[in-house]
Amino acid sequence: MVSNVDAIVVGGRCAGAATALSLAESGHRVLMVEAARWPSDTMSTLYIHQPGVVQLARVGVLDDVLASGCPTIISLNHHVGGVTVSGSLPLFDGVGFALAPRRYVLDSIMVAKARELGVDFRQRTRFVGALWDGGRVVGARLAGDEVYDVRCAVLVGADGMRSRVAKAVSAPIQRDDGRRTFVHYTGWRDLGRAAVEIHEASGRYASVIPTHDRTWLVATYGAQAAFAKARRNPLQHHLDTVRQLDLALWRELERRDPVVRLHGSGDQKNFVRRPCGPGWALVGDAGHHKDSITARGITDALRQAESLGHSLSGRLSSREATDAGLRDYAVARNALIENSYAQTLSATRLDVSKSRLQRHRLVAGSADLTQHHLRVLGGIATADDLTD
């Protein structure tokens, strides 16, 4: 049983695997643990914007994701109150497409790559608690077939919104914006859409995104205040939202059965935790969670993982060096999430005002404004970047 490593990463999905990859590329000894049996699926919006696709290329897994049969997404239609903005996805670092792989495919590919680089991956292994030396984390207590301790220079929590690592290290919440929306997902085969579709009306939102196996993920959102009513018959509410926003799509869905059963959540928290402390760091949803409506979670997690790996490269040999690297990561993490978090909170208002509809109509009539709009949706630009 390994007793000492450079880093322990708790969580084996895309945030954890990307972090383990980044640390291993720097020559660090990494142990990555995952509580679930592997491989296993999880439902999410799946969408990876162009900056996230670039990250997949950087860690060497993009070719494998494409070879898995994941369709490339090259265009998007954004319908707001009957006005449609349509266009090809803009380039980011030479990448002009998005992806929406099923999570069991993406996560498995990333874990396999991590293991190629020497990461010790253990499934069905729970994080029990942190080991401390004074006020510093120096390892973790883990439980697989038995309970055992492993010491490390840095413990990384990449274990999601309800992070056990964050709880163990008492990571303070620096900002809490509560719950804004609820979401329901279903999957349907052979819808034949040529582009991602986003529909918005006041109080309602829906997206249609292609994924593996000729399947389209249909997601619908409503205001948090309406969740109690929606949960009485969630599938009916889901389909009613589709009908209100895209009658043609609803007629297609009425004629067939979903191939991915209904999943949903009314617990889409919006918060920012402190990203690190003495001997520990948080990546992805463990460190900050936001509503899935803008589909930024995977992309942001991949970028944070790279940032942590770079910040700690060659700096795990002493506590002083590790602390300096963690301070660098804190600055970088906060900069990475600032615009994404703000734009997501804005989207969760589900507000189609007259002024917003007028702006959308203006964008629809201009090729330049359309491309800027698509850059904003992809996290490549902010609305403030637009100048007269």
Protein backbone atom coordinates (compact mmCIF):
# COMPACT_ATOMS: atom_id res chain seq x y z
CA MET A 1 0.00 0.00 0.00
CA VAL A 2 1.41 3.40 -1.01
CA SER A 3 2.12 5.54 2.05
CA ASN A 4 3.55 8.71 0.48
CA VAL A 5 2.82 10.60 -2.74
CA ASP A 6 3.20 14.16 -3.95
CA ALA A 7 -0.51 14.74 -4.49
CA ILE A 8 -3.80 13.03 -3.69
CA VAL A 9 -6.69 13.95 -5.97
CA VAL A 10 -10.14 13.08 -4.65
CA GLY A 11 -12.59 12.64 -7.53
CA GLY A 12 -11.94 10.76 -10.76
CA ARG A 13 -14.21 12.56 -13.20
CA CYS A 14 -13.12 15.27 -15.61
CA ALA A 15 -12.00 17.81 -12.98
CA GLY A 16 -10.03 15.25 -10.99
CA ALA A 17 -8.61 13.41 -13.97
CA ALA A 18 -7.52 16.66 -15.63
CA THR A 19 -5.84 17.76 -12.40
CA ALA A 20 -4.08 14.42 -11.99
CA LEU A 21 -2.94 14.60 -15.63
CA SER A 22 -1.54 18.08 -15.19
CA LEU A 23 0.33 17.18 -12.01
CA ALA A 24 1.67 13.93 -13.45
CA GLU A 25 2.97 15.71 -16.55
CA SER A 26 5.20 17.71 -14.21
CA GLY A 27 6.67 14.50 -12.85
CA HIS A 28 4.75 14.40 -9.59
CA ARG A 29 3.58 11.15 -8.02
CA VAL A 30 -0.21 11.30 -7.99
CA LEU A 31 -2.84 9.14 -6.35
CA MET A 32 -6.39 9.68 -7.64
CA VAL A 33 -9.35 8.11 -5.86
CA GLU A 34 -12.98 7.81 -6.92
CA ALA A 35 -15.82 6.56 -4.73
CA ALA A 36 -17.88 5.15 -7.63
CA ARG A 37 -17.36 1.92 -9.51
CA TRP A 38 -15.68 2.71 -12.82
CA PRO A 39 -16.76 3.49 -15.45
CA SER A 40 -20.02 5.11 -14.42
CA ASP A 41 -22.24 7.71 -16.00
CA THR A 42 -23.55 10.97 -14.61
CA MET A 43 -25.93 13.40 -16.19
CA SER A 44 -24.97 16.99 -16.90
CA THR A 45 -25.36 19.50 -19.68
CA LEU A 46 -22.35 17.73 -21.28
CA TYR A 47 -21.42 20.77 -23.38
CA ILE A 48 -17.74 21.74 -23.72
CA HIS A 49 -17.15 25.19 -25.22
CA GLN A 50 -14.24 25.88 -27.55
CA PRO A 51 -11.84 26.86 -24.71
CA GLY A 52 -12.60 23.50 -23.10
CA VAL A 53 -11.96 21.66 -26.37
CA VAL A 54 -8.57 23.39 -26.50
CA GLN A 55 -7.89 22.01 -23.01
CA LEU A 56 -8.75 18.50 -24.17
CA ALA A 57 -6.17 18.90 -26.93
CA ARG A 58 -3.57 20.19 -24.49
CA VAL A 59 -3.87 17.14 -22.23
CA GLY A 60 -3.77 14.80 -25.22
CA VAL A 61 -7.28 13.34 -25.18
CA LEU A 62 -9.10 15.27 -27.93
CA ASP A 63 -8.33 12.72 -30.64
CA ASP A 64 -9.70 9.93 -28.43
CA VAL A 65 -12.89 11.90 -27.70
CA LEU A 66 -13.43 12.48 -31.41
CA ALA A 67 -12.65 8.83 -32.20
CA SER A 68 -15.33 7.78 -29.70
CA GLY A 69 -17.98 9.06 -32.10
CA CYS A 70 -18.76 12.29 -30.28
CA PRO A 71 -20.21 14.71 -32.86
CA THR A 72 -18.56 18.06 -33.43
CA ILE A 73 -20.80 21.07 -32.96
CA ILE A 74 -20.06 23.88 -35.40
CA SER A 75 -23.12 26.15 -35.24
CA LEU A 76 -25.69 27.50 -32.80
CA ASN A 77 -29.18 28.98 -33.03
CA HIS A 78 -30.21 31.23 -30.14
CA HIS A 79 -33.92 31.99 -30.05
CA VAL A 80 -35.08 34.75 -27.70
CA GLY A 81 -38.72 35.74 -27.71
CA GLY A 82 -39.18 34.77 -31.35
CA VAL A 83 -35.97 36.45 -32.56
CA THR A 84 -33.19 34.09 -33.72
CA VAL A 85 -29.44 34.67 -33.80
CA SER A 86 -27.71 31.98 -35.87
CA GLY A 87 -24.08 31.47 -36.76
CA SER A 88 -21.02 29.29 -36.92
CA LEU A 89 -19.08 28.94 -33.68
CA PRO A 90 -16.12 31.34 -33.60
CA LEU A 91 -12.52 30.18 -33.44
CA PHE A 92 -10.60 30.00 -30.19
CA ASP A 93 -6.90 29.07 -30.46
CA GLY A 94 -7.69 27.49 -33.83
CA VAL A 95 -10.67 25.46 -32.57
CA GLY A 96 -14.03 26.29 -34.13
CA PHE A 97 -16.22 23.57 -32.67
CA ALA A 98 -17.72 22.46 -29.38
CA LEU A 99 -18.35 18.94 -28.04
CA ALA A 100 -20.89 17.31 -25.76
CA PRO A 101 -19.60 13.81 -24.92
CA ARG A 102 -21.44 11.48 -22.60
CA ARG A 103 -19.70 11.66 -19.28
CA TYR A 104 -18.86 7.97 -18.98
CA VAL A 105 -17.00 8.32 -22.29
CA LEU A 106 -15.16 11.55 -21.46
CA ASP A 107 -14.30 10.60 -17.89
CA SER A 108 -13.07 7.14 -18.90
CA ILE A 109 -10.83 8.56 -21.62
CA MET A 110 -9.31 11.05 -19.22
CA VAL A 111 -8.73 8.46 -16.51
CA ALA A 112 -7.03 6.18 -19.05
CA LYS A 113 -4.73 9.02 -20.09
CA ALA A 114 -3.91 9.80 -16.46
CA ARG A 115 -2.97 6.17 -15.87
CA GLU A 116 -0.74 6.23 -18.95
CA LEU A 117 1.19 9.03 -17.28
CA GLY A 118 1.64 7.01 -14.11
CA VAL A 119 -1.28 8.20 -12.00
CA ASP A 120 -2.32 5.58 -9.45
CA PHE A 121 -6.11 5.42 -9.89
CA ARG A 122 -8.26 3.62 -7.33
CA GLN A 123 -11.99 3.26 -7.84
CA ARG A 124 -14.50 2.44 -5.09
CA THR A 125 -12.21 4.28 -2.69
CA ARG A 126 -13.74 6.86 -0.37
CA PHE A 127 -12.11 9.90 1.14
CA VAL A 128 -12.69 9.57 4.88
CA GLY A 129 -10.87 12.62 6.17
CA ALA A 130 -7.78 14.80 6.07
CA LEU A 131 -4.59 14.15 8.02
CA TRP A 132 -3.23 17.20 9.82
CA ASP A 133 0.07 18.44 11.15
CA GLY A 134 -0.87 21.45 13.23
CA GLY A 135 -2.90 23.65 10.89
CA ARG A 136 -1.68 21.99 7.70
CA VAL A 137 -3.14 19.13 5.66
CA VAL A 138 -0.48 16.45 5.17
CA GLY A 139 -2.48 13.55 3.78
CA ALA A 140 -5.76 11.69 3.66
CA ARG A 141 -7.48 8.76 5.28
CA LEU A 142 -8.99 6.55 2.57
CA ALA A 143 -11.32 3.56 2.61
CA GLY A 144 -11.35 0.84 -0.02
CA ASP A 145 -11.19 -2.77 0.99
CA GLU A 146 -9.64 -1.41 4.18
CA VAL A 147 -9.03 1.96 5.81
CA TYR A 148 -5.53 3.36 5.37
CA ASP A 149 -3.61 6.64 5.46
CA VAL A 150 -1.58 8.24 2.68
CA ARG A 151 0.60 11.28 3.21
CA CYS A 152 1.05 13.96 0.54
CA ALA A 153 2.31 17.48 -0.13
CA VAL A 154 -1.09 18.60 -1.41
CA LEU A 155 -4.61 17.22 -1.14
CA VAL A 156 -6.88 18.21 -4.02
CA GLY A 157 -10.66 18.12 -3.80
CA ALA A 158 -12.22 17.58 -7.22
CA ASP A 159 -15.24 15.84 -5.78
CA GLY A 160 -18.10 18.08 -6.81
CA MET A 161 -20.51 20.58 -5.31
CA ARG A 162 -20.91 18.58 -2.09
CA SER A 163 -17.16 18.13 -1.74
CA ARG A 164 -16.10 16.03 1.23
CA VAL A 165 -12.63 17.52 0.95
CA ALA A 166 -13.99 21.07 1.20
CA LYS A 167 -15.93 20.06 4.28
CA ALA A 168 -12.92 18.32 5.83
CA VAL A 169 -10.68 21.36 5.46
CA SER A 170 -13.49 23.80 6.39
CA ALA A 171 -13.03 25.72 3.14
CA PRO A 172 -14.92 28.98 3.68
CA ILE A 173 -17.61 30.07 1.25
CA GLN A 174 -16.59 33.51 0.02
CA ARG A 175 -19.76 34.19 -1.94
CA ASP A 176 -23.18 32.53 -1.85
CA ASP A 177 -25.82 33.42 -4.43
CA GLY A 178 -28.25 30.65 -3.59
CA ARG A 179 -30.33 28.65 -6.02
CA ARG A 180 -31.69 30.36 -9.12
CA THR A 181 -33.17 27.71 -11.43
CA PHE A 182 -34.04 24.02 -11.64
CA VAL A 183 -33.23 21.76 -14.57
CA HIS A 184 -34.58 18.58 -16.19
CA TYR A 185 -32.78 16.49 -18.82
CA THR A 186 -33.93 13.80 -21.22
CA GLY A 187 -32.20 12.18 -24.23
CA TRP A 188 -33.87 11.49 -27.58
CA ARG A 189 -32.53 9.70 -30.64
CA ASP A 190 -32.43 10.97 -34.21
CA LEU A 191 -33.84 14.46 -33.75
CA GLY A 192 -31.77 15.52 -36.75
CA ARG A 193 -30.92 19.03 -35.60
CA ALA A 194 -28.00 20.55 -37.48
CA ALA A 195 -27.00 22.96 -34.70
CA VAL A 196 -27.28 23.49 -30.98
CA GLU A 197 -30.62 25.11 -30.23
CA ILE A 198 -31.18 27.49 -27.30
CA HIS A 199 -34.67 28.83 -26.61
CA GLU A 200 -35.49 31.56 -24.10
CA ALA A 201 -38.67 33.20 -22.91
CA SER A 202 -39.44 34.90 -19.62
CA GLY A 203 -39.26 32.25 -16.90
CA ARG A 204 -38.36 29.42 -19.31
CA TYR A 205 -35.26 28.12 -21.05
CA ALA A 206 -34.45 25.04 -23.14
CA SER A 207 -31.46 23.69 -25.02
CA VAL A 208 -31.02 20.84 -27.51
CA ILE A 209 -27.48 19.45 -27.78
CA PRO A 210 -26.17 16.45 -29.79
CA THR A 211 -24.14 13.81 -27.98
CA HIS A 212 -23.07 10.20 -28.60
CA ASP A 213 -25.16 7.51 -30.31
CA ARG A 214 -27.29 9.85 -32.45
CA THR A 215 -28.79 11.16 -29.22
CA TRP A 216 -29.80 14.74 -28.44
CA LEU A 217 -29.87 15.99 -24.87
CA VAL A 218 -32.95 18.13 -24.23
CA ALA A 219 -32.62 20.34 -21.15
CA THR A 220 -35.30 22.62 -19.73
CA TYR A 221 -34.98 25.23 -17.00
CA GLY A 222 -37.41 27.11 -14.82
CA ALA A 223 -37.19 29.62 -12.00
CA GLN A 224 -36.41 28.10 -8.59
CA ALA A 225 -39.72 29.45 -7.24
CA ALA A 226 -41.61 27.14 -9.63
CA PHE A 227 -39.72 23.98 -8.67
CA ALA A 228 -42.17 22.75 -6.04
CA LYS A 229 -44.98 22.75 -8.61
CA ALA A 230 -42.84 21.24 -11.37
CA ARG A 231 -41.68 18.31 -9.26
CA ARG A 232 -45.25 17.01 -8.89
CA ASN A 233 -45.03 15.78 -12.49
CA PRO A 234 -41.53 16.59 -13.71
CA LEU A 235 -41.71 14.85 -17.09
CA GLN A 236 -44.94 16.62 -17.95
CA HIS A 237 -43.46 19.96 -16.90
CA HIS A 238 -40.34 19.22 -18.95
CA LEU A 239 -42.37 18.47 -22.07
CA ASP A 240 -44.71 21.42 -21.49
CA THR A 241 -41.68 23.72 -21.41
CA VAL A 242 -40.51 22.27 -24.72
CA ARG A 243 -43.98 22.78 -26.19
CA GLN A 244 -44.06 26.41 -25.10
CA LEU A 245 -40.64 27.14 -26.57
CA ASP A 246 -40.35 24.86 -29.64
CA LEU A 247 -43.64 23.43 -30.86
CA ALA A 248 -42.04 21.52 -33.74
CA LEU A 249 -39.62 19.78 -31.37
CA TRP A 250 -42.43 18.96 -28.95
CA ARG A 251 -44.37 17.26 -31.76
CA GLU A 252 -41.32 15.11 -32.50
CA LEU A 253 -40.95 14.12 -28.86
CA GLU A 254 -44.64 13.26 -28.57
CA ARG A 255 -44.19 10.56 -31.20
CA ARG A 256 -41.36 8.69 -29.50
CA ASP A 257 -39.89 7.58 -26.19
CA PRO A 258 -36.74 9.01 -24.64
CA VAL A 259 -33.59 6.90 -24.72
CA VAL A 260 -32.24 8.72 -21.66
CA ARG A 261 -34.76 8.82 -18.85
CA LEU A 262 -35.62 12.05 -17.07
CA HIS A 263 -32.98 13.43 -14.73
CA GLY A 264 -33.28 16.66 -12.83
CA SER A 265 -32.16 18.85 -10.00
CA GLY A 266 -33.57 21.71 -7.99
CA ASP A 267 -30.31 22.03 -6.08
CA GLN A 268 -28.26 24.13 -8.49
CA LYS A 269 -26.30 26.13 -5.97
CA ASN A 270 -24.26 29.19 -6.87
CA PHE A 271 -21.27 29.76 -4.59
CA VAL A 272 -17.55 30.46 -4.53
CA ARG A 273 -15.32 28.77 -1.97
CA ARG A 274 -11.80 29.71 -1.02
CA PRO A 275 -9.75 27.75 -3.57
CA CYS A 276 -6.87 26.60 -1.39
CA GLY A 277 -5.12 26.65 1.95
CA PRO A 278 -2.12 25.06 3.69
CA GLY A 279 -1.66 21.72 1.93
CA TRP A 280 -5.01 21.66 0.09
CA ALA A 281 -6.73 22.94 -3.05
CA LEU A 282 -10.16 22.70 -4.68
CA VAL A 283 -10.85 22.34 -8.41
CA GLY A 284 -14.06 22.53 -10.43
CA ASP A 285 -17.41 22.32 -8.68
CA ALA A 286 -15.71 21.64 -5.35
CA GLY A 287 -14.26 25.13 -5.37
CA HIS A 288 -17.08 26.98 -7.04
CA HIS A 289 -20.41 25.85 -8.35
CA LYS A 290 -22.78 27.66 -10.63
CA ASP A 291 -26.05 26.97 -12.38
CA SER A 292 -25.67 24.70 -15.40
CA ILE A 293 -27.70 27.00 -17.65
CA THR A 294 -24.58 28.39 -19.37
CA ALA A 295 -22.93 24.95 -19.55
CA ARG A 296 -19.61 26.30 -18.31
CA GLY A 297 -18.86 23.67 -15.66
CA ILE A 298 -16.70 21.23 -17.64
CA THR A 299 -14.80 23.93 -19.51
CA ASP A 300 -14.07 25.84 -16.31
CA ALA A 301 -12.98 22.68 -14.49
CA LEU A 302 -10.52 21.77 -17.26
CA ARG A 303 -9.00 25.25 -17.21
CA GLN A 304 -8.67 25.27 -13.42
CA ALA A 305 -7.01 21.85 -13.47
CA GLU A 306 -4.36 23.09 -15.87
CA SER A 307 -3.86 26.21 -13.75
CA LEU A 308 -3.31 24.20 -10.57
CA GLY A 309 -0.90 21.86 -12.33
CA HIS A 310 1.14 24.74 -13.67
CA SER A 311 1.11 26.58 -10.33
CA LEU A 312 2.45 23.52 -8.48
CA SER A 313 4.89 22.30 -11.13
CA GLY A 314 8.21 21.63 -9.42
CA ARG A 315 6.92 23.13 -6.17
CA LEU A 316 5.92 20.12 -4.08
CA SER A 317 9.33 19.46 -2.59
CA SER A 318 8.95 21.91 0.30
CA ARG A 319 6.08 23.47 2.20
CA GLU A 320 7.27 26.96 1.35
CA ALA A 321 7.32 26.23 -2.38
CA THR A 322 3.95 24.49 -2.22
CA ASP A 323 2.38 27.43 -0.41
CA ALA A 324 3.75 29.83 -3.02
CA GLY A 325 2.27 27.69 -5.78
CA LEU A 326 -1.09 27.55 -4.04
CA ARG A 327 -1.12 31.34 -3.69
CA ASP A 328 -0.52 31.61 -7.44
CA TYR A 329 -3.36 29.18 -8.07
CA ALA A 330 -5.75 31.19 -5.91
CA VAL A 331 -5.13 34.31 -7.98
CA ALA A 332 -5.46 32.40 -11.26
CA ARG A 333 -8.58 30.49 -10.21
CA ASN A 334 -10.39 33.66 -9.17
CA ALA A 335 -9.52 35.32 -12.48
CA LEU A 336 -10.67 32.27 -14.45
CA ILE A 337 -14.13 32.13 -12.89
CA GLU A 338 -14.97 35.84 -12.58
CA ASN A 339 -16.67 36.43 -15.94
CA SER A 340 -18.13 32.94 -16.19
CA TYR A 341 -19.77 33.20 -12.79
CA ALA A 342 -21.18 36.68 -13.48
CA GLN A 343 -22.56 35.69 -16.87
CA THR A 344 -24.19 32.62 -15.40
CA LEU A 345 -25.92 34.58 -12.67
CA SER A 346 -27.18 36.96 -15.33
CA ALA A 347 -28.57 34.08 -17.40
CA THR A 348 -30.40 32.61 -14.41
CA ARG A 349 -32.68 35.63 -14.26
CA LEU A 350 -34.65 34.05 -17.15
CA ASP A 351 -35.68 37.55 -18.11
CA VAL A 352 -36.66 38.50 -21.65
CA SER A 353 -37.31 42.21 -21.28
CA LYS A 354 -38.21 44.56 -24.10
CA SER A 355 -34.73 46.06 -24.03
CA ARG A 356 -33.10 42.64 -24.20
CA LEU A 357 -35.33 41.61 -27.08
CA GLN A 358 -34.37 44.80 -28.92
CA ARG A 359 -30.67 44.04 -28.42
CA HIS A 360 -31.16 40.48 -29.65
CA ARG A 361 -32.93 41.76 -32.74
CA LEU A 362 -30.02 44.14 -33.37
CA VAL A 363 -27.54 41.28 -33.03
CA ALA A 364 -29.55 39.11 -35.42
CA GLY A 365 -29.22 41.76 -38.11
CA SER A 366 -25.43 42.06 -37.94
CA ALA A 367 -22.84 39.43 -38.83
CA ASP A 368 -20.21 41.12 -36.63
CA LEU A 369 -22.54 41.39 -33.63
CA THR A 370 -23.62 37.77 -34.13
CA GLN A 371 -20.02 36.58 -33.93
CA HIS A 372 -19.44 38.65 -30.81
CA HIS A 373 -22.63 37.24 -29.28
CA LEU A 374 -21.42 33.70 -29.97
CA ARG A 375 -18.04 34.51 -28.44
CA VAL A 376 -19.81 35.67 -25.28
CA LEU A 377 -21.90 32.48 -25.13
CA GLY A 378 -18.70 30.43 -25.54
CA GLY A 379 -16.84 32.21 -22.77
CA ILE A 380 -14.36 33.67 -25.25
CA ALA A 381 -15.45 37.29 -24.71
CA THR A 382 -17.60 39.33 -22.39
CA ALA A 383 -20.42 41.69 -23.27
CA ASP A 384 -18.18 44.52 -22.06
CA ASP A 385 -15.64 43.73 -24.79
CA LEU A 386 -17.96 45.17 -27.42
CA THR A 387 -17.04 48.74 -28.36
CA ASP A 388 -18.79 51.20 -30.63
